[in-house]
């Protein structure tokens, strides 16, 4: 479970933000992807009830273009170690010389 405070543009509820508890940190990963390359995720996120052992109780959806900022609070590292672990080496592979062969970019040409 991860606690989110989502600050929204033009939200007229007196505060400008929404607090929610979600199952995982997928909302933050989607928001960072939106900031990096502008791709909006089209998905809903499961809302949990922290008082009822993280039981899903609803769905949260937000237009990432309306988000001004997100703050995240994870309760404790020992209860959800997967949120604090680094990606495994098999997930991110560095390109080898054969991967760049068909790219059309010659080494050293990018600086010119």
C-alpha atoms as a PDB file:
ATOM      1  CA  UNK A   1       0.000   0.000   0.000  1.00  0.00           C
ATOM      2  CA  UNK A   2       1.226   3.464  -0.924  1.00  0.00           C
ATOM      3  CA  UNK A   3      -0.274   6.799   0.164  1.00  0.00           C
ATOM      4  CA  UNK A   4      -0.553   9.469  -2.540  1.00  0.00           C
ATOM      5  CA  UNK A   5      -1.336  13.170  -2.417  1.00  0.00           C
ATOM      6  CA  UNK A   6      -2.198  14.242  -5.952  1.00  0.00           C
ATOM      7  CA  UNK A   7      -2.192  18.000  -6.616  1.00  0.00           C
ATOM      8  CA  UNK A   8      -4.519  18.804  -9.509  1.00  0.00           C
ATOM      9  CA  UNK A   9      -4.761  21.912 -11.659  1.00  0.00           C
ATOM     10  CA  UNK A  10      -8.056  23.791 -11.311  1.00  0.00           C
ATOM     11  CA  UNK A  11      -9.460  21.471  -8.625  1.00  0.00           C
ATOM     12  CA  UNK A  12     -12.054  23.515  -6.787  1.00  0.00           C
ATOM     13  CA  UNK A  13     -12.407  21.591  -3.538  1.00  0.00           C
ATOM     14  CA  UNK A  14     -10.791  24.223  -1.316  1.00  0.00           C
ATOM     15  CA  UNK A  15      -7.398  22.498  -1.109  1.00  0.00           C
ATOM     16  CA  UNK A  16      -6.378  21.585  -4.672  1.00  0.00           C
ATOM     17  CA  UNK A  17      -5.351  18.055  -3.835  1.00  0.00           C
ATOM     18  CA  UNK A  18      -6.723  14.537  -3.366  1.00  0.00           C
ATOM     19  CA  UNK A  19      -5.398  12.028  -0.817  1.00  0.00           C
ATOM     20  CA  UNK A  20      -5.693   8.335  -1.616  1.00  0.00           C
ATOM     21  CA  UNK A  21      -4.155   4.976  -0.679  1.00  0.00           C
ATOM     22  CA  UNK A  22      -3.373   2.710  -3.632  1.00  0.00           C
ATOM     23  CA  UNK A  23      -2.195  -0.880  -3.921  1.00  0.00           C
ATOM     24  CA  UNK A  24       1.221  -0.082  -5.416  1.00  0.00           C
ATOM     25  CA  UNK A  25       3.310   2.739  -6.884  1.00  0.00           C
ATOM     26  CA  UNK A  26       2.084   2.322 -10.476  1.00  0.00           C
ATOM     27  CA  UNK A  27       0.510   5.800 -10.472  1.00  0.00           C
ATOM     28  CA  UNK A  28       3.887   7.391  -9.738  1.00  0.00           C
ATOM     29  CA  UNK A  29       5.642   5.320 -12.401  1.00  0.00           C
ATOM     30  CA  UNK A  30       2.984   6.321 -14.947  1.00  0.00           C
ATOM     31  CA  UNK A  31       3.293   9.988 -13.960  1.00  0.00           C
ATOM     32  CA  UNK A  32       7.085   9.913 -14.333  1.00  0.00           C
ATOM     33  CA  UNK A  33       6.672   8.334 -17.765  1.00  0.00           C
ATOM     34  CA  UNK A  34       4.230  11.104 -18.681  1.00  0.00           C
ATOM     35  CA  UNK A  35       6.754  13.748 -17.580  1.00  0.00           C
ATOM     36  CA  UNK A  36       9.590  12.056 -19.482  1.00  0.00           C
ATOM     37  CA  UNK A  37       8.024  11.307 -22.838  1.00  0.00           C
ATOM     38  CA  UNK A  38       4.444  12.600 -22.694  1.00  0.00           C
ATOM     39  CA  UNK A  39       2.675   9.230 -22.904  1.00  0.00           C
ATOM     40  CA  UNK A  40      -0.491   9.143 -20.813  1.00  0.00           C
ATOM     41  CA  UNK A  41      -1.452   5.892 -19.150  1.00  0.00           C
ATOM     42  CA  UNK A  42      -5.056   4.819 -19.674  1.00  0.00           C
ATOM     43  CA  UNK A  43      -5.685   2.735 -16.592  1.00  0.00           C
ATOM     44  CA  UNK A  44      -7.458   2.735 -13.280  1.00  0.00           C
ATOM     45  CA  UNK A  45      -5.706   2.174  -9.965  1.00  0.00           C
ATOM     46  CA  UNK A  46      -7.104   0.057  -7.123  1.00  0.00           C
ATOM     47  CA  UNK A  47      -7.903   2.055  -3.973  1.00  0.00           C
ATOM     48  CA  UNK A  48      -7.322   0.184  -0.708  1.00  0.00           C
ATOM     49  CA  UNK A  49      -8.702   0.552   2.792  1.00  0.00           C
ATOM     50  CA  UNK A  50      -5.687   0.827   5.107  1.00  0.00           C
ATOM     51  CA  UNK A  51      -7.818  -0.026   8.131  1.00  0.00           C
ATOM     52  CA  UNK A  52      -9.054  -3.296   6.619  1.00  0.00           C
ATOM     53  CA  UNK A  53      -5.750  -5.028   5.805  1.00  0.00           C
ATOM     54  CA  UNK A  54      -5.293  -3.378   2.411  1.00  0.00           C
ATOM     55  CA  UNK A  55      -8.588  -4.654   1.028  1.00  0.00           C
ATOM     56  CA  UNK A  56      -9.405  -3.104  -2.384  1.00  0.00           C
ATOM     57  CA  UNK A  57     -12.480  -0.922  -2.030  1.00  0.00           C
ATOM     58  CA  UNK A  58     -12.646   1.078  -5.233  1.00  0.00           C
ATOM     59  CA  UNK A  59     -10.962   2.505  -8.293  1.00  0.00           C
ATOM     60  CA  UNK A  60      -9.042   5.759  -8.774  1.00  0.00           C
ATOM     61  CA  UNK A  61      -8.544   7.324 -12.205  1.00  0.00           C
ATOM     62  CA  UNK A  62      -6.927  10.650 -13.039  1.00  0.00           C
ATOM     63  CA  UNK A  63      -5.990  12.561 -16.175  1.00  0.00           C
ATOM     64  CA  UNK A  64      -2.210  12.844 -15.896  1.00  0.00           C
ATOM     65  CA  UNK A  65      -2.246  16.098 -17.883  1.00  0.00           C
ATOM     66  CA  UNK A  66      -4.175  17.717 -15.003  1.00  0.00           C
ATOM     67  CA  UNK A  67      -1.677  16.627 -12.349  1.00  0.00           C
ATOM     68  CA  UNK A  68       0.589  19.400 -11.074  1.00  0.00           C
ATOM     69  CA  UNK A  69       2.516  17.279  -8.560  1.00  0.00           C
ATOM     70  CA  UNK A  70       2.383  14.010  -6.644  1.00  0.00           C
ATOM     71  CA  UNK A  71       3.771  13.212  -3.219  1.00  0.00           C
ATOM     72  CA  UNK A  72       4.190   9.611  -2.129  1.00  0.00           C
ATOM     73  CA  UNK A  73       4.403   8.064   1.317  1.00  0.00           C
ATOM     74  CA  UNK A  74       5.249   4.402   1.789  1.00  0.00           C
ATOM     75  CA  UNK A  75       4.378   3.159   5.289  1.00  0.00           C
ATOM     76  CA  UNK A  76       7.523   1.117   6.055  1.00  0.00           C
ATOM     77  CA  UNK A  77      10.332  -0.427   4.079  1.00  0.00           C
ATOM     78  CA  UNK A  78      10.165  -3.791   5.848  1.00  0.00           C
ATOM     79  CA  UNK A  79       6.482  -4.294   4.964  1.00  0.00           C
ATOM     80  CA  UNK A  80       6.933  -3.626   1.221  1.00  0.00           C
ATOM     81  CA  UNK A  81      10.554  -4.315   0.249  1.00  0.00           C
ATOM     82  CA  UNK A  82       9.689  -4.622  -3.474  1.00  0.00           C
ATOM     83  CA  UNK A  83       9.046  -0.857  -3.600  1.00  0.00           C
ATOM     84  CA  UNK A  84      12.571  -0.166  -2.341  1.00  0.00           C
ATOM     85  CA  UNK A  85      14.505  -2.727  -4.342  1.00  0.00           C
ATOM     86  CA  UNK A  86      16.585  -1.894  -7.382  1.00  0.00           C
ATOM     87  CA  UNK A  87      15.576  -3.406 -10.717  1.00  0.00           C
ATOM     88  CA  UNK A  88      17.132  -6.753 -11.486  1.00  0.00           C
ATOM     89  CA  UNK A  89      20.041  -6.798 -13.982  1.00  0.00           C
ATOM     90  CA  UNK A  90      17.941  -8.746 -16.480  1.00  0.00           C
ATOM     91  CA  UNK A  91      15.362  -5.935 -16.720  1.00  0.00           C
ATOM     92  CA  UNK A  92      17.803  -3.300 -17.967  1.00  0.00           C
ATOM     93  CA  UNK A  93      20.329  -4.527 -20.475  1.00  0.00           C
ATOM     94  CA  UNK A  94      23.017  -2.256 -21.843  1.00  0.00           C
ATOM     95  CA  UNK A  95      23.255  -2.117 -25.640  1.00  0.00           C
ATOM     96  CA  UNK A  96      26.043  -4.075 -27.209  1.00  0.00           C
ATOM     97  CA  UNK A  97      27.952  -3.167 -30.378  1.00  0.00           C
ATOM     98  CA  UNK A  98      25.586  -5.246 -32.536  1.00  0.00           C
ATOM     99  CA  UNK A  99      22.533  -3.375 -31.188  1.00  0.00           C
ATOM    100  CA  UNK A 100      23.873  -0.081 -32.566  1.00  0.00           C
ATOM    101  CA  UNK A 101      24.964  -1.460 -35.943  1.00  0.00           C
ATOM    102  CA  UNK A 102      21.665  -0.760 -37.709  1.00  0.00           C
ATOM    103  CA  UNK A 103      20.919   2.539 -35.998  1.00  0.00           C
ATOM    104  CA  UNK A 104      22.431   4.728 -38.728  1.00  0.00           C
ATOM    105  CA  UNK A 105      24.413   6.710 -36.179  1.00  0.00           C
ATOM    106  CA  UNK A 106      28.156   6.516 -36.418  1.00  0.00           C
ATOM    107  CA  UNK A 107      30.178   6.638 -33.189  1.00  0.00           C
ATOM    108  CA  UNK A 108      31.484  10.144 -32.544  1.00  0.00           C
ATOM    109  CA  UNK A 109      29.125  11.759 -35.096  1.00  0.00           C
ATOM    110  CA  UNK A 110      26.648  13.014 -32.498  1.00  0.00           C
ATOM    111  CA  UNK A 111      29.059  15.727 -31.323  1.00  0.00           C
ATOM    112  CA  UNK A 112      29.352  17.402 -34.747  1.00  0.00           C
END
